[in-house]
Amino acid sequence: MTELPRYEYVKLADAIAADIASGKLPQGAALPGERAMTDLYSVSIGTVRRAVGELRRRGLVATLPAKGTYVIGIPEASHPTPDEGEPHA
C-alpha cells in the first residue's frame, strides 16, 4: 500500500514537536508569533494556526491570550517507558 500524503499543518506540527523533543524548544519557551512562523516555515497563517491547534491537542503547548504560545510538554515518544533504561534488580 502507498502512504497517504500528510497535511501541511501536520508536517509543521511534527517539525515543532521534534524541536520540543530535541530540546531546541525547551519547556517554558515561547513559540514565535504566527506571522513570524509564516515566514520561518514558508506556510500560510491558516496552516500555522492549525499546527498550533494540533500541538495544543497533543498537550505540547498552551496559548495564553495576548501573551503567546508556550511549550508545556514533551512528546510522548521521548518519555522512557518502564521497559527502557537500566535493568531491574
C-alpha atoms as a PDB file:
ATOM      1  CA  MET A   1       0.000   0.000   0.000  1.00  0.00           C
ATOM      2  CA  THR A   2       1.121   3.516  -0.642  1.00  0.00           C
ATOM      3  CA  GLU A   3       1.281   6.013   2.189  1.00  0.00           C
ATOM      4  CA  LEU A   4      -1.214   8.865   2.058  1.00  0.00           C
ATOM      5  CA  PRO A   5       0.214  12.383   1.899  1.00  0.00           C
ATOM      6  CA  ARG A   6       0.158  14.332   5.178  1.00  0.00           C
ATOM      7  CA  TYR A   7      -1.431  17.722   5.528  1.00  0.00           C
ATOM      8  CA  GLU A   8       0.948  20.688   5.737  1.00  0.00           C
ATOM      9  CA  TYR A   9      -0.263  21.627   9.215  1.00  0.00           C
ATOM     10  CA  VAL A  10       0.533  18.100  10.461  1.00  0.00           C
ATOM     11  CA  LYS A  11       4.018  18.322   8.929  1.00  0.00           C
ATOM     12  CA  LEU A  12       4.552  21.681  10.670  1.00  0.00           C
ATOM     13  CA  ALA A  13       3.215  20.373  13.997  1.00  0.00           C
ATOM     14  CA  ASP A  14       5.532  17.351  13.692  1.00  0.00           C
ATOM     15  CA  ALA A  15       8.522  19.631  12.966  1.00  0.00           C
ATOM     16  CA  ILE A  16       7.789  21.799  16.008  1.00  0.00           C
ATOM     17  CA  ALA A  17       7.203  18.694  18.156  1.00  0.00           C
ATOM     18  CA  ALA A  18      10.628  17.427  17.026  1.00  0.00           C
ATOM     19  CA  ASP A  19      12.170  20.747  18.122  1.00  0.00           C
ATOM     20  CA  ILE A  20      10.488  20.333  21.507  1.00  0.00           C
ATOM     21  CA  ALA A  21      11.682  16.722  21.834  1.00  0.00           C
ATOM     22  CA  SER A  22      15.256  17.671  20.925  1.00  0.00           C
ATOM     23  CA  GLY A  23      15.357  20.490  23.473  1.00  0.00           C
ATOM     24  CA  LYS A  24      15.642  23.197  20.827  1.00  0.00           C
ATOM     25  CA  LEU A  25      12.354  24.485  22.252  1.00  0.00           C
ATOM     26  CA  PRO A  26      12.562  23.658  25.980  1.00  0.00           C
ATOM     27  CA  GLN A  27       9.636  23.611  28.375  1.00  0.00           C
ATOM     28  CA  GLY A  28       8.562  27.193  29.090  1.00  0.00           C
ATOM     29  CA  ALA A  29       9.907  28.530  25.786  1.00  0.00           C
ATOM     30  CA  ALA A  30       7.678  30.791  23.731  1.00  0.00           C
ATOM     31  CA  LEU A  31       6.918  29.810  20.154  1.00  0.00           C
ATOM     32  CA  PRO A  32       7.441  32.543  17.567  1.00  0.00           C
ATOM     33  CA  GLY A  33       4.346  34.592  16.759  1.00  0.00           C
ATOM     34  CA  GLU A  34       2.008  33.465  13.984  1.00  0.00           C
ATOM     35  CA  ARG A  35       3.322  35.958  11.449  1.00  0.00           C
ATOM     36  CA  ALA A  36       6.934  35.083  12.248  1.00  0.00           C
ATOM     37  CA  MET A  37       6.159  31.373  11.790  1.00  0.00           C
ATOM     38  CA  THR A  38       4.587  32.029   8.385  1.00  0.00           C
ATOM     39  CA  ASP A  39       7.917  33.486   7.256  1.00  0.00           C
ATOM     40  CA  LEU A  40      10.072  30.974   9.127  1.00  0.00           C
ATOM     41  CA  TYR A  41       8.298  27.902   7.711  1.00  0.00           C
ATOM     42  CA  SER A  42       7.011  29.406   4.416  1.00  0.00           C
ATOM     43  CA  VAL A  43       3.400  28.443   5.107  1.00  0.00           C
ATOM     44  CA  SER A  44       0.100  30.320   5.351  1.00  0.00           C
ATOM     45  CA  ILE A  45      -1.230  31.741   8.593  1.00  0.00           C
ATOM     46  CA  GLY A  46      -4.066  29.197   8.435  1.00  0.00           C
ATOM     47  CA  THR A  47      -1.515  26.384   8.372  1.00  0.00           C
ATOM     48  CA  VAL A  48       0.280  27.904  11.377  1.00  0.00           C
ATOM     49  CA  ARG A  49      -2.982  28.212  13.311  1.00  0.00           C
ATOM     50  CA  ARG A  50      -3.978  24.617  12.584  1.00  0.00           C
ATOM     51  CA  ALA A  51      -0.488  23.375  13.510  1.00  0.00           C
ATOM     52  CA  VAL A  52      -0.580  25.240  16.837  1.00  0.00           C
ATOM     53  CA  GLY A  53      -4.047  23.799  17.443  1.00  0.00           C
ATOM     54  CA  GLU A  54      -2.666  20.324  16.774  1.00  0.00           C
ATOM     55  CA  LEU A  55       0.188  20.934  19.221  1.00  0.00           C
ATOM     56  CA  ARG A  56      -2.361  22.057  21.838  1.00  0.00           C
ATOM     57  CA  ARG A  57      -4.376  18.891  21.188  1.00  0.00           C
ATOM     58  CA  ARG A  58      -1.212  16.834  21.744  1.00  0.00           C
ATOM     59  CA  GLY A  59      -0.647  18.645  25.055  1.00  0.00           C
ATOM     60  CA  LEU A  60       2.675  20.135  23.972  1.00  0.00           C
ATOM     61  CA  VAL A  61       1.809  23.844  24.041  1.00  0.00           C
ATOM     62  CA  ALA A  62      -0.626  26.244  25.679  1.00  0.00           C
ATOM     63  CA  THR A  63      -1.749  29.584  24.307  1.00  0.00           C
ATOM     64  CA  LEU A  64      -2.323  32.491  26.655  1.00  0.00           C
ATOM     65  CA  PRO A  65      -4.483  35.231  25.120  1.00  0.00           C
ATOM     66  CA  ALA A  66      -2.426  38.332  24.282  1.00  0.00           C
ATOM     67  CA  LYS A  67       0.692  36.633  25.709  1.00  0.00           C
ATOM     68  CA  GLY A  68       1.685  33.953  23.210  1.00  0.00           C
ATOM     69  CA  THR A  69       2.081  30.197  22.913  1.00  0.00           C
ATOM     70  CA  TYR A  70       4.415  28.338  25.259  1.00  0.00           C
ATOM     71  CA  VAL A  71       5.856  24.835  25.432  1.00  0.00           C
ATOM     72  CA  ILE A  72       4.275  22.938  28.324  1.00  0.00           C
ATOM     73  CA  GLY A  73       5.003  19.312  27.465  1.00  0.00           C
ATOM     74  CA  ILE A  74       7.319  16.871  25.750  1.00  0.00           C
ATOM     75  CA  PRO A  75       6.192  14.428  23.034  1.00  0.00           C
ATOM     76  CA  GLU A  76       5.258  11.009  24.433  1.00  0.00           C
ATOM     77  CA  ALA A  77       7.847   9.233  22.274  1.00  0.00           C
ATOM     78  CA  SER A  78      10.620  10.965  24.197  1.00  0.00           C
ATOM     79  CA  HIS A  79       9.420   9.713  27.584  1.00  0.00           C
ATOM     80  CA  PRO A  80      11.107   6.439  28.586  1.00  0.00           C
ATOM     81  CA  THR A  81       8.775   3.506  29.089  1.00  0.00           C
ATOM     82  CA  PRO A  82       9.120   1.221  32.112  1.00  0.00           C
ATOM     83  CA  ASP A  83      10.845  -1.388  29.898  1.00  0.00           C
ATOM     84  CA  GLU A  84      13.566   1.069  28.799  1.00  0.00           C
ATOM     85  CA  GLY A  85      16.594   2.169  30.757  1.00  0.00           C
ATOM     86  CA  GLU A  86      18.526   0.240  33.354  1.00  0.00           C
ATOM     87  CA  PRO A  87      17.629  -3.390  34.086  1.00  0.00           C
ATOM     88  CA  HIS A  88      15.671  -4.018  37.252  1.00  0.00           C
ATOM     89  CA  ALA A  89      17.407  -5.851  40.107  1.00  0.00           C
END
